[in-house]
């Protein structure tokens, strides 16, 4: 997938909207970097399920960690 960082060691999934319409995917790399993408789950065609794939996801973009 476009922009997927090397050395990913952690993944977080966040549901967006009610009912579930998309997922926000955040990954952490071994170098401490964070990147995110959003994947649409309800866009036709094809319907969600086995035919669903990465064409419904944006590319990963680097993000900054939230300030404590």
C-alpha atoms as a PDB file:
ATOM      1  CA  UNK A   1       0.000   0.000   0.000  1.00  0.00           C
ATOM      2  CA  UNK A   2       1.257   3.473  -0.889  1.00  0.00           C
ATOM      3  CA  UNK A   3       3.237   5.097   1.949  1.00  0.00           C
ATOM      4  CA  UNK A   4       3.264   2.036   4.252  1.00  0.00           C
ATOM      5  CA  UNK A   5       6.338   2.541   6.471  1.00  0.00           C
ATOM      6  CA  UNK A   6       9.035  -0.085   6.947  1.00  0.00           C
ATOM      7  CA  UNK A   7       9.495  -1.767  10.313  1.00  0.00           C
ATOM      8  CA  UNK A   8       5.884  -1.584  11.520  1.00  0.00           C
ATOM      9  CA  UNK A   9       5.614  -2.951  15.066  1.00  0.00           C
ATOM     10  CA  UNK A  10       2.117  -1.811  16.085  1.00  0.00           C
ATOM     11  CA  UNK A  11      -1.294  -1.227  14.518  1.00  0.00           C
ATOM     12  CA  UNK A  12      -4.357   0.601  15.844  1.00  0.00           C
ATOM     13  CA  UNK A  13      -7.829   0.526  14.262  1.00  0.00           C
ATOM     14  CA  UNK A  14     -10.453   3.154  15.040  1.00  0.00           C
ATOM     15  CA  UNK A  15     -14.070   2.939  13.871  1.00  0.00           C
ATOM     16  CA  UNK A  16     -15.312   6.162  12.255  1.00  0.00           C
ATOM     17  CA  UNK A  17     -19.003   7.112  12.162  1.00  0.00           C
ATOM     18  CA  UNK A  18     -22.113   5.276  13.260  1.00  0.00           C
ATOM     19  CA  UNK A  19     -22.984   2.943  11.646  1.00  0.00           C
ATOM     20  CA  UNK A  20     -19.488   1.804  10.783  1.00  0.00           C
ATOM     21  CA  UNK A  21     -18.517   3.428   7.481  1.00  0.00           C
ATOM     22  CA  UNK A  22     -14.722   3.605   7.613  1.00  0.00           C
ATOM     23  CA  UNK A  23     -11.644   2.657   9.601  1.00  0.00           C
ATOM     24  CA  UNK A  24      -8.759   4.891  10.631  1.00  0.00           C
ATOM     25  CA  UNK A  25      -5.591   2.781  10.645  1.00  0.00           C
ATOM     26  CA  UNK A  26      -2.552   4.044  12.564  1.00  0.00           C
ATOM     27  CA  UNK A  27       0.793   2.207  12.480  1.00  0.00           C
ATOM     28  CA  UNK A  28       3.922   2.629  14.603  1.00  0.00           C
ATOM     29  CA  UNK A  29       7.352   1.791  13.195  1.00  0.00           C
ATOM     30  CA  UNK A  30      10.419   0.495  15.022  1.00  0.00           C
ATOM     31  CA  UNK A  31      12.046   3.904  14.473  1.00  0.00           C
ATOM     32  CA  UNK A  32       9.249   5.629  16.421  1.00  0.00           C
ATOM     33  CA  UNK A  33       7.380   7.035  13.418  1.00  0.00           C
ATOM     34  CA  UNK A  34       3.601   7.116  13.107  1.00  0.00           C
ATOM     35  CA  UNK A  35       1.561   6.943   9.907  1.00  0.00           C
ATOM     36  CA  UNK A  36      -2.174   6.860   9.202  1.00  0.00           C
ATOM     37  CA  UNK A  37      -4.646   5.967   6.495  1.00  0.00           C
ATOM     38  CA  UNK A  38      -8.439   5.860   6.237  1.00  0.00           C
ATOM     39  CA  UNK A  39     -10.276   2.997   4.534  1.00  0.00           C
ATOM     40  CA  UNK A  40     -13.883   3.324   3.358  1.00  0.00           C
ATOM     41  CA  UNK A  41     -15.933   0.220   4.115  1.00  0.00           C
ATOM     42  CA  UNK A  42     -19.276   1.122   2.548  1.00  0.00           C
ATOM     43  CA  UNK A  43     -18.307   2.326  -0.945  1.00  0.00           C
ATOM     44  CA  UNK A  44     -19.837   0.283  -3.788  1.00  0.00           C
ATOM     45  CA  UNK A  45     -18.792  -1.624  -5.861  1.00  0.00           C
ATOM     46  CA  UNK A  46     -17.681  -4.184  -4.726  1.00  0.00           C
ATOM     47  CA  UNK A  47     -19.533  -4.665  -1.463  1.00  0.00           C
ATOM     48  CA  UNK A  48     -17.541  -5.050   1.750  1.00  0.00           C
ATOM     49  CA  UNK A  49     -16.317  -8.586   2.278  1.00  0.00           C
ATOM     50  CA  UNK A  50     -13.863 -10.809   0.410  1.00  0.00           C
ATOM     51  CA  UNK A  51     -13.880  -8.528  -2.661  1.00  0.00           C
ATOM     52  CA  UNK A  52     -13.002  -5.436  -0.603  1.00  0.00           C
ATOM     53  CA  UNK A  53      -9.381  -4.299  -0.930  1.00  0.00           C
ATOM     54  CA  UNK A  54      -6.846  -1.520  -0.615  1.00  0.00           C
ATOM     55  CA  UNK A  55      -8.347   0.491  -3.485  1.00  0.00           C
ATOM     56  CA  UNK A  56     -10.753   1.828  -0.841  1.00  0.00           C
ATOM     57  CA  UNK A  57      -7.890   3.147   1.331  1.00  0.00           C
ATOM     58  CA  UNK A  58      -5.956   6.396   1.132  1.00  0.00           C
ATOM     59  CA  UNK A  59      -2.160   6.150   1.128  1.00  0.00           C
ATOM     60  CA  UNK A  60      -0.405   6.224   4.498  1.00  0.00           C
ATOM     61  CA  UNK A  61       0.766   9.665   5.588  1.00  0.00           C
ATOM     62  CA  UNK A  62       3.201  10.414   8.420  1.00  0.00           C
ATOM     63  CA  UNK A  63       1.664  12.007  11.516  1.00  0.00           C
ATOM     64  CA  UNK A  64       3.007  13.475  14.751  1.00  0.00           C
ATOM     65  CA  UNK A  65       2.372  11.875  18.116  1.00  0.00           C
ATOM     66  CA  UNK A  66      -0.131  13.772  20.291  1.00  0.00           C
ATOM     67  CA  UNK A  67       1.412  16.038  22.917  1.00  0.00           C
ATOM     68  CA  UNK A  68       1.157  14.703  26.477  1.00  0.00           C
END
